[in-house]
Each structure stands twice: as C-alpha cells, then as structure tokens.
Amino acid sequence: MYYFGIAQGVRRTVTSEYLAKCTKINLDFFTDGLSPYKSVKSKVRPILCRLSATSFSYESVPFLVSVFGGKTDPIPQEFLKDFVCEAKDLETNGMKINGIRYEVYIKKFIADQPARAKLKCVNGEGPSSLVQCERCTIIGKHSDRITHFSGTEVRVSQPTLRTDKTFRQRLQPAYHKINDSPLLALNIDMVFSFPLDPMHILYVGVVKRYWDYLVEVKGAIYHITKKNNNRDISIYVQGAEASTSH
C-alpha cells in the first residue's frame, strides 16, 4: 500500500480557471480493482481523485491518491486509513493554494456496485444478496435465478427509503458488515454520495439475460447462432432499427 495524498494532487492539477470560478474545492473519488496479470494471482486497487464543478463545465485530470497491491482484496479499514485521515483534515481545515485558503468538500465516490459495497462495508457485493438495494430497505426474494424487490414498481414509501441517518444508525443490521466503514468519519452522505452505476444494475444483468434469450430462444427465428452471436445479433438489431424507421 502506498499513499500519495490528496492535497498534493490537487495543487498539481488544479487550474487557474478553476480557482477563478470556484470559492471552494469539490472532489470526486474513484476506486476499482484490477488484475494486471493473467498468470499471477495479484490484485491492484487504486484510489483516484478529480476536481469537480457544478456551476460550469470543467474537465479535470484525475490523479492517483493511493494504490494497493496484493494477492487478495485489501481490508477496508487499512485501505482507507490514510485517505480518511487526510480527507477529514481537509474537510475541517481546508487547504491553501497560492496563499488563499479554500474549503474542501467531498462530493461523491464513483465506483461499481461491488466496490461501493466494500467502501461502505455492507452486504451487497453479490447479485444474490437479499438486502443489496442501496436506496431502500426492502428485502428481496429469489425466483427463477432473479432477485425481486417487490414494491419497487410503485413509489417506495418513506419508511423503506435508506437515508444517511438510517445508514449510520444501522437500522437494518443485515445490510451491514460487522465492522463500520471508515468513511463514516467523513462529512458525506453514506447513501447519495455513492451514485449508482448502470454496469451492474442494467448491462451485466438485464442486457446479458436478454442477449442469452435472443441466442437460445429466438436464435432459430432470427438465425442467431452461439458461434457467431455477436455478428448475428448486430445484423438483427440493424434490421430492427431499419424496420422501425419507416
């Protein structure tokens, strides 16, 4: 584990345009795990940061805050220790750039569903979890290899909504790991500071199942084969788009 730091990265990448238009520094963080080698069991998990702006369009250059390397996933308490220590100090004291002190705010943590579960220390890393919903406390049910959350097709009632307060109070014990997330020490919303990603909600689940449906059920009708399913489905989709455009 090597920690580079937040403040030094901000000072290195912030632009005069950003400082001229912003009275405070807003930060977004990103983390994900990757395996750099197929033949060696090793994992790398970095934390990246970028400056964000809400009042104007701004493209920030991400910088490396820390990086972990090992044969297994890092323990959240160790992985986030130095990060939380500096982030908490920045939230409290701000930071000086060119002699001017700026307030620092953490806006969001950008990560896929498994990474969010690790950051928040909750039981929601697998698609089969019955308490994996990050926005409500409805308990799911298994049916036909799918986890259903009944009641979500209508407006979710207020008592079932997951909030920062209910998260911190651990009002749904089954949702939480034994150890609390180190991020609880920060002034962030433990629910809405973690935007949902479409990858594990839509693309990996719904689209994959529909893809399999086209190949296995509709294959004979639309001449889609498993051997050439990418090519065949592309031809089918192009034909469907052409027919609907007339």
Protein backbone atom coordinates (compact mmCIF):
# COMPACT_ATOMS: atom_id res chain seq x y z
CA MET A 1 0.00 0.00 0.00
CA TYR A 2 1.39 3.39 -0.98
CA TYR A 3 -0.31 6.68 -0.18
CA PHE A 4 0.46 9.68 -2.39
CA GLY A 5 -2.00 12.15 -0.88
CA ILE A 6 -4.97 14.31 -1.84
CA ALA A 7 -3.70 17.84 -1.28
CA GLN A 8 -0.53 17.44 -3.31
CA GLY A 9 -2.54 16.06 -6.22
CA VAL A 10 -5.00 18.95 -6.08
CA ARG A 11 -2.21 21.54 -6.09
CA ARG A 12 -0.55 19.79 -9.02
CA THR A 13 -3.64 19.53 -11.24
CA VAL A 14 -5.86 22.50 -10.33
CA THR A 15 -6.05 25.20 -12.99
CA SER A 16 -6.24 28.99 -12.71
CA GLU A 17 -9.67 28.79 -14.39
CA TYR A 18 -11.00 26.56 -11.62
CA LEU A 19 -9.62 28.78 -8.85
CA ALA A 20 -11.03 31.90 -10.51
CA LYS A 21 -14.54 30.48 -10.77
CA CYS A 22 -14.77 28.40 -7.58
CA THR A 23 -14.74 29.56 -3.98
CA LYS A 24 -14.46 26.00 -2.73
CA ILE A 25 -12.84 22.80 -3.95
CA ASN A 26 -15.15 19.90 -4.76
CA LEU A 27 -13.64 16.44 -5.08
CA ASP A 28 -14.83 13.20 -6.66
CA PHE A 29 -13.11 9.90 -5.88
CA PHE A 30 -12.97 6.66 -7.84
CA THR A 31 -11.78 3.17 -6.99
CA ASP A 32 -11.91 -0.24 -8.63
CA GLY A 33 -9.95 -3.46 -8.54
CA LEU A 34 -7.99 -4.97 -11.40
CA SER A 35 -5.76 -7.95 -12.08
CA PRO A 36 -2.73 -6.82 -14.13
CA TYR A 37 -1.52 -10.34 -14.90
CA LYS A 38 -3.50 -13.38 -16.00
CA SER A 39 -0.82 -15.86 -14.96
CA VAL A 40 -0.22 -14.39 -11.50
CA LYS A 41 -2.83 -14.05 -8.78
CA SER A 42 -2.40 -10.41 -7.84
CA LYS A 43 -4.77 -7.51 -7.42
CA VAL A 44 -4.28 -3.78 -7.69
CA ARG A 45 -6.77 -1.30 -6.26
CA PRO A 46 -6.10 2.43 -6.68
CA ILE A 47 -7.96 5.47 -5.41
CA LEU A 48 -8.19 8.25 -7.98
CA CYS A 49 -9.39 11.82 -7.49
CA ARG A 50 -10.60 14.61 -9.72
CA LEU A 51 -11.81 18.16 -9.15
CA SER A 52 -15.47 18.73 -9.97
CA ALA A 53 -17.51 21.86 -10.60
CA THR A 54 -21.27 22.38 -10.54
CA SER A 55 -21.56 25.94 -11.82
CA PHE A 56 -19.61 25.49 -15.07
CA SER A 57 -18.28 22.80 -17.38
CA TYR A 58 -14.88 21.62 -16.24
CA GLU A 59 -12.77 18.62 -17.22
CA SER A 60 -10.29 17.67 -14.55
CA VAL A 61 -7.25 15.47 -14.96
CA PRO A 62 -7.57 12.57 -12.47
CA PHE A 63 -4.64 11.94 -10.18
CA LEU A 64 -3.56 8.99 -8.06
CA VAL A 65 -4.25 9.25 -4.32
CA SER A 66 -3.18 5.77 -3.24
CA VAL A 67 -2.61 2.30 -4.62
CA PHE A 68 -2.84 -1.13 -3.03
CA GLY A 69 -1.25 -4.29 -4.38
CA GLY A 70 -1.58 -7.82 -3.08
CA LYS A 71 -2.89 -11.33 -3.62
CA THR A 72 -6.27 -10.54 -2.06
CA ASP A 73 -8.57 -7.55 -1.75
CA PRO A 74 -7.48 -5.04 0.89
CA ILE A 75 -9.24 -4.74 4.23
CA PRO A 76 -11.30 -1.51 4.06
CA GLN A 77 -10.06 -0.31 7.45
CA GLU A 78 -6.43 -0.47 6.26
CA PHE A 79 -7.13 0.55 2.68
CA LEU A 80 -8.92 3.76 3.72
CA LYS A 81 -6.94 4.64 6.86
CA ASP A 82 -4.58 7.28 5.42
CA PHE A 83 -7.21 8.52 2.99
CA VAL A 84 -9.79 9.19 5.71
CA CYS A 85 -7.18 10.84 7.93
CA GLU A 86 -6.24 13.40 5.27
CA ALA A 87 -9.77 13.83 3.92
CA LYS A 88 -11.08 14.60 7.40
CA ASP A 89 -8.34 17.18 7.93
CA LEU A 90 -9.17 18.83 4.59
CA GLU A 91 -12.87 18.93 5.45
CA THR A 92 -12.06 20.62 8.76
CA ASN A 93 -9.24 22.98 7.84
CA GLY A 94 -9.45 23.35 4.07
CA MET A 95 -6.26 23.86 2.09
CA LYS A 96 -4.10 26.76 0.93
CA ILE A 97 -3.32 27.36 -2.74
CA ASN A 98 -1.28 30.41 -3.74
CA GLY A 99 -1.76 31.86 -0.26
CA ILE A 100 -5.56 31.58 -0.38
CA ARG A 101 -7.45 29.12 1.82
CA TYR A 102 -10.20 27.09 0.13
CA GLU A 103 -12.87 24.97 1.75
CA VAL A 104 -12.80 21.34 0.61
CA TYR A 105 -15.89 19.20 0.04
CA ILE A 106 -16.15 15.55 -0.94
CA LYS A 107 -18.97 15.31 -3.46
CA LYS A 108 -19.11 11.64 -4.44
CA PHE A 109 -17.43 8.28 -4.67
CA ILE A 110 -17.63 6.81 -8.16
CA ALA A 111 -17.40 3.02 -8.18
CA ASP A 112 -19.20 -0.06 -9.43
CA GLN A 113 -21.56 -2.00 -7.18
CA PRO A 114 -19.01 -4.42 -5.67
CA ALA A 115 -16.57 -1.58 -4.95
CA ARG A 116 -19.28 0.54 -3.33
CA ALA A 117 -20.17 -2.36 -1.06
CA LYS A 118 -16.54 -2.66 0.02
CA LEU A 119 -16.20 1.07 0.66
CA LYS A 120 -19.38 1.18 2.74
CA CYS A 121 -18.75 -2.21 4.41
CA VAL A 122 -22.19 -3.56 3.53
CA ASN A 123 -23.54 -6.93 2.43
CA GLY A 124 -24.30 -6.19 -1.17
CA GLU A 125 -21.40 -7.44 -3.26
CA GLY A 126 -23.21 -10.30 -4.99
CA PRO A 127 -26.31 -10.29 -7.21
CA SER A 128 -27.95 -12.87 -4.93
CA SER A 129 -27.96 -10.68 -1.82
CA LEU A 130 -31.46 -10.08 -0.44
CA VAL A 131 -30.56 -6.74 1.13
CA GLN A 132 -28.41 -5.30 -1.62
CA CYS A 133 -30.59 -2.29 -2.56
CA GLU A 134 -28.67 0.89 -1.80
CA ARG A 135 -31.71 3.15 -1.86
CA CYS A 136 -34.33 1.22 0.12
CA THR A 137 -34.61 -1.39 2.87
CA ILE A 138 -36.96 -3.75 1.02
CA ILE A 139 -35.88 -7.39 1.43
CA GLY A 140 -35.63 -9.22 -1.88
CA LYS A 141 -36.92 -12.65 -2.86
CA HIS A 142 -35.31 -15.25 -5.13
CA SER A 143 -37.28 -16.53 -8.12
CA ASP A 144 -36.05 -18.09 -11.37
CA ARG A 145 -32.43 -17.05 -10.74
CA ILE A 146 -33.55 -13.46 -10.19
CA THR A 147 -33.73 -11.40 -7.01
CA HIS A 148 -37.01 -9.47 -6.88
CA PHE A 149 -37.64 -6.44 -4.69
CA SER A 150 -41.43 -6.33 -4.53
CA GLY A 151 -42.92 -2.91 -4.03
CA THR A 152 -40.34 -1.13 -6.15
CA GLU A 153 -42.70 -0.99 -9.13
CA VAL A 154 -44.69 1.65 -7.24
CA ARG A 155 -43.37 4.66 -5.42
CA VAL A 156 -41.29 3.49 -2.47
CA SER A 157 -42.82 4.61 0.81
CA GLN A 158 -40.88 6.89 3.12
CA PRO A 159 -40.24 4.30 5.89
CA THR A 160 -38.44 2.00 3.45
CA LEU A 161 -36.11 4.61 1.99
CA ARG A 162 -32.49 4.27 3.00
CA THR A 163 -31.03 7.55 4.26
CA ASP A 164 -27.72 8.74 5.63
CA LYS A 165 -29.25 8.81 9.12
CA THR A 166 -30.65 5.27 9.00
CA PHE A 167 -27.37 4.03 7.50
CA ARG A 168 -25.31 5.50 10.31
CA GLN A 169 -27.76 4.12 12.88
CA ARG A 170 -27.51 0.64 11.30
CA LEU A 171 -31.31 0.29 11.38
CA GLN A 172 -31.09 -2.69 9.02
CA PRO A 173 -28.39 -4.86 10.68
CA ALA A 174 -28.43 -7.50 7.93
CA TYR A 175 -27.28 -4.87 5.43
CA HIS A 176 -24.10 -4.01 7.33
CA LYS A 177 -20.83 -5.83 7.89
CA ILE A 178 -19.63 -6.32 11.46
CA ASN A 179 -17.05 -3.52 11.18
CA ASP A 180 -18.16 0.00 10.33
CA SER A 181 -16.90 1.76 7.23
CA PRO A 182 -14.03 4.20 7.89
CA LEU A 183 -15.88 6.65 5.63
CA LEU A 184 -18.40 7.24 8.43
CA ALA A 185 -15.84 9.65 9.88
CA LEU A 186 -16.30 11.98 6.90
CA ASN A 187 -18.96 14.61 6.32
CA ILE A 188 -20.63 12.77 3.44
CA ASP A 189 -23.99 11.21 2.71
CA MET A 190 -23.45 7.46 3.01
CA VAL A 191 -26.29 6.84 0.55
CA PHE A 192 -26.39 9.57 -2.07
CA SER A 193 -22.67 10.34 -2.17
CA PHE A 194 -22.39 6.99 -3.94
CA PRO A 195 -24.13 7.33 -7.34
CA LEU A 196 -25.44 4.10 -8.85
CA ASP A 197 -23.66 2.75 -11.92
CA PRO A 198 -25.54 1.20 -14.86
CA MET A 199 -22.96 -1.55 -15.38
CA HIS A 200 -24.09 -3.93 -12.62
CA ILE A 201 -27.68 -2.67 -12.49
CA LEU A 202 -28.50 -2.92 -16.19
CA TYR A 203 -25.78 -4.07 -18.56
CA VAL A 204 -24.39 -7.09 -16.68
CA GLY A 205 -27.82 -8.29 -15.56
CA VAL A 206 -30.74 -7.31 -17.79
CA VAL A 207 -28.88 -6.98 -21.09
CA LYS A 208 -26.96 -10.24 -20.58
CA ARG A 209 -30.17 -12.16 -19.87
CA TYR A 210 -31.84 -10.64 -22.92
CA TRP A 211 -28.78 -11.48 -25.00
CA ASP A 212 -29.00 -15.11 -23.87
CA TYR A 213 -32.72 -15.06 -24.66
CA LEU A 214 -32.03 -13.95 -28.23
CA VAL A 215 -29.48 -16.69 -28.71
CA GLU A 216 -31.29 -19.58 -27.00
CA VAL A 217 -34.96 -18.81 -27.69
CA LYS A 218 -35.02 -16.56 -30.71
CA GLY A 219 -31.94 -17.98 -32.36
CA ALA A 220 -33.86 -20.23 -34.72
CA ILE A 221 -36.24 -17.43 -35.70
CA TYR A 222 -33.64 -14.74 -36.28
CA HIS A 223 -30.86 -17.10 -37.41
CA ILE A 224 -28.68 -16.23 -34.42
CA THR A 225 -26.06 -18.81 -33.54
CA LYS A 226 -23.87 -19.11 -30.45
CA LYS A 227 -20.78 -19.35 -32.60
CA ASN A 228 -21.40 -16.03 -34.33
CA ASN A 229 -23.85 -14.42 -31.89
CA ASN A 230 -22.09 -11.03 -31.85
CA ARG A 231 -22.25 -10.71 -35.61
CA ASP A 232 -25.72 -12.23 -35.95
CA ILE A 233 -27.31 -10.11 -33.22
CA SER A 234 -25.75 -6.97 -34.72
CA ILE A 235 -27.37 -7.83 -38.05
CA TYR A 236 -30.70 -8.47 -36.28
CA VAL A 237 -30.55 -5.16 -34.37
CA GLN A 238 -29.68 -3.22 -37.52
CA GLY A 239 -32.62 -4.82 -39.29
CA ALA A 240 -34.96 -4.00 -36.41
CA GLU A 241 -33.83 -0.37 -36.38
CA ALA A 242 -34.33 -0.12 -40.14
CA SER A 243 -37.87 -1.52 -39.92
CA THR A 244 -38.91 0.91 -37.18
CA SER A 245 -37.55 3.93 -39.01
CA HIS A 246 -40.03 3.54 -41.89
